C-alpha atoms as a PDB file:
ATOM      1  CA  MET A   1     105.904  99.702 131.592  1.00  0.00           C
ATOM      2  CA  ALA A   2     104.748  99.612 127.994  1.00  0.00           C
ATOM      3  CA  ASN A   3     101.280  98.531 126.553  1.00  0.00           C
ATOM      4  CA  LEU A   4     101.766  95.085 125.147  1.00  0.00           C
ATOM      5  CA  TYR A   5      99.566  94.239 122.151  1.00  0.00           C
ATOM      6  CA  LEU A   6      98.941  90.428 121.489  1.00  0.00           C
ATOM      7  CA  ILE A   7      98.136  89.852 118.012  1.00  0.00           C
ATOM      8  CA  HIS A   8      96.904  86.542 117.505  1.00  0.00           C
ATOM      9  CA  ASN A   9      95.173  86.135 114.053  1.00  0.00           C
ATOM     10  CA  LYS A  10      94.949  87.796 110.664  1.00  0.00           C
ATOM     11  CA  SER A  11      91.850  89.640 111.235  1.00  0.00           C
ATOM     12  CA  SER A  12      93.648  91.914 114.002  1.00  0.00           C
ATOM     13  CA  ALA A  13      94.664  94.831 111.597  1.00  0.00           C
ATOM     14  CA  GLU A  14      92.615  97.276 113.820  1.00  0.00           C
ATOM     15  CA  ALA A  15      94.616  96.112 116.733  1.00  0.00           C
ATOM     16  CA  LEU A  16      97.911  96.699 114.735  1.00  0.00           C
ATOM     17  CA  ALA A  17      96.721 100.213 113.674  1.00  0.00           C
ATOM     18  CA  LEU A  18      95.926 101.061 117.230  1.00  0.00           C
ATOM     19  CA  ALA A  19      99.334  99.928 118.399  1.00  0.00           C
ATOM     20  CA  GLN A  20     101.060 101.868 115.636  1.00  0.00           C
ATOM     21  CA  GLU A  21      99.408 105.057 117.185  1.00  0.00           C
ATOM     22  CA  ASP A  22     100.514 104.094 120.751  1.00  0.00           C
ATOM     23  CA  LYS A  23     103.764 105.601 121.713  1.00  0.00           C
ATOM     24  CA  GLU A  24     104.306 103.123 124.501  1.00  0.00           C
ATOM     25  CA  ALA A  25     103.353  99.996 122.484  1.00  0.00           C
ATOM     26  CA  LEU A  26     105.164  96.657 122.121  1.00  0.00           C
ATOM     27  CA  VAL A  27     103.602  94.240 119.718  1.00  0.00           C
ATOM     28  CA  VAL A  28     103.702  90.497 119.908  1.00  0.00           C
ATOM     29  CA  LEU A  29     102.633  88.408 116.826  1.00  0.00           C
ATOM     30  CA  LEU A  30     101.624  84.935 117.702  1.00  0.00           C
ATOM     31  CA  GLN A  31      99.706  82.159 116.259  1.00  0.00           C
ATOM     32  CA  ASP A  32      98.165  83.257 112.755  1.00  0.00           C
ATOM     33  CA  GLY A  33      99.181  86.779 113.597  1.00  0.00           C
ATOM     34  CA  VAL A  34     102.365  86.103 112.299  1.00  0.00           C
ATOM     35  CA  PHE A  35     101.105  86.421 108.961  1.00  0.00           C
ATOM     36  CA  LEU A  36     100.275  90.172 109.357  1.00  0.00           C
ATOM     37  CA  ASP A  37     102.464  92.888 107.428  1.00  0.00           C
ATOM     38  CA  VAL A  38     104.468  94.841 110.048  1.00  0.00           C
ATOM     39  CA  SER A  39     106.887  96.326 107.480  1.00  0.00           C
ATOM     40  CA  GLY A  40     105.544  99.839 108.372  1.00  0.00           C
ATOM     41  CA  PHE A  41     106.153  99.737 111.895  1.00  0.00           C
ATOM     42  CA  ASN A  42     109.538 101.736 112.319  1.00  0.00           C
ATOM     43  CA  LYS A  43     108.749 103.215 115.808  1.00  0.00           C
ATOM     44  CA  THR A  44     107.162 100.248 117.524  1.00  0.00           C
ATOM     45  CA  GLN A  45     109.065  97.259 118.774  1.00  0.00           C
ATOM     46  CA  VAL A  46     107.627  94.199 117.228  1.00  0.00           C
ATOM     47  CA  TYR A  47     108.130  90.684 118.342  1.00  0.00           C
ATOM     48  CA  ALA A  48     106.944  87.391 116.851  1.00  0.00           C
ATOM     49  CA  ILE A  49     106.852  83.988 118.440  1.00  0.00           C
ATOM     50  CA  LYS A  50     109.665  81.966 116.701  1.00  0.00           C
ATOM     51  CA  TRP A  51     107.750  78.600 116.759  1.00  0.00           C
ATOM     52  CA  ASP A  52     104.629  80.074 115.192  1.00  0.00           C
ATOM     53  CA  VAL A  53     106.786  81.483 112.271  1.00  0.00           C
ATOM     54  CA  ASP A  54     108.617  78.380 111.996  1.00  0.00           C
ATOM     55  CA  ILE A  55     105.676  76.111 111.842  1.00  0.00           C
ATOM     56  CA  ARG A  56     103.983  78.270 109.219  1.00  0.00           C
ATOM     57  CA  GLY A  57     107.252  78.442 107.015  1.00  0.00           C
ATOM     58  CA  LEU A  58     107.600  82.118 107.228  1.00  0.00           C
ATOM     59  CA  ASN A  59     111.317  82.188 108.359  1.00  0.00           C
ATOM     60  CA  GLN A  60     112.620  84.044 104.985  1.00  0.00           C
ATOM     61  CA  ARG A  61     109.381  86.443 104.931  1.00  0.00           C
ATOM     62  CA  THR A  62     109.743  87.906 108.483  1.00  0.00           C
ATOM     63  CA  PRO A  63     111.376  91.278 108.649  1.00  0.00           C
ATOM     64  CA  ASN A  64     114.810  91.804 110.175  1.00  0.00           C
ATOM     65  CA  THR A  65     113.006  94.551 112.263  1.00  0.00           C
ATOM     66  CA  VAL A  66     110.953  91.802 113.999  1.00  0.00           C
ATOM     67  CA  LYS A  67     112.575  90.262 116.997  1.00  0.00           C
ATOM     68  CA  LEU A  68     111.918  86.505 117.313  1.00  0.00           C
ATOM     69  CA  ILE A  69     111.193  85.326 120.926  1.00  0.00           C
ATOM     70  CA  SER A  70     109.885  82.213 122.665  1.00  0.00           C
ATOM     71  CA  TYR A  71     106.698  81.429 124.541  1.00  0.00           C
ATOM     72  CA  HIS A  72     108.927  81.985 127.566  1.00  0.00           C
ATOM     73  CA  ASP A  73     109.910  85.321 126.699  1.00  0.00           C
ATOM     74  CA  LEU A  74     106.435  86.036 126.052  1.00  0.00           C
ATOM     75  CA  VAL A  75     105.526  85.303 129.633  1.00  0.00           C
ATOM     76  CA  ASP A  76     108.272  87.650 130.749  1.00  0.00           C
ATOM     77  CA  LEU A  77     106.793  90.431 128.625  1.00  0.00           C
ATOM     78  CA  ILE A  78     103.282  89.753 129.955  1.00  0.00           C
ATOM     79  CA  VAL A  79     104.560  89.987 133.567  1.00  0.00           C
ATOM     80  CA  ALA A  80     106.624  93.150 132.986  1.00  0.00           C
ATOM     81  CA  ASN A  81     103.846  95.249 130.802  1.00  0.00           C
ATOM     82  CA  LYS A  82     100.344  96.257 130.564  1.00  0.00           C
ATOM     83  CA  VAL A  83      98.644  93.710 128.245  1.00  0.00           C
ATOM     84  CA  VAL A  84      96.051  94.989 125.686  1.00  0.00           C
ATOM     85  CA  ASN A  85      94.078  92.361 124.186  1.00  0.00           C
ATOM     86  CA  LEU A  86      91.498  93.250 121.570  1.00  0.00           C
ATOM     87  CA  ALA A  87      90.287  89.721 120.917  1.00  0.00           C
END
């Protein structure tokens, strides 16, 4: 069971910093969180909601290391992991 960080807005840089220090972290970018730069995340699995990326026109700017998932996939991640919400 990993720690699942749900990052939903651009002012969540502090949460990203915490997740980067957490060896058991999984990060999900959703809503405006998809605007955040996660290029330095090389040891942490980062996901982004595909619909949120598409609607904001960020398809070409999303790093290849970010796995695009659906909201249905997000539900599966929430059920399988411990959610860390820093809203």
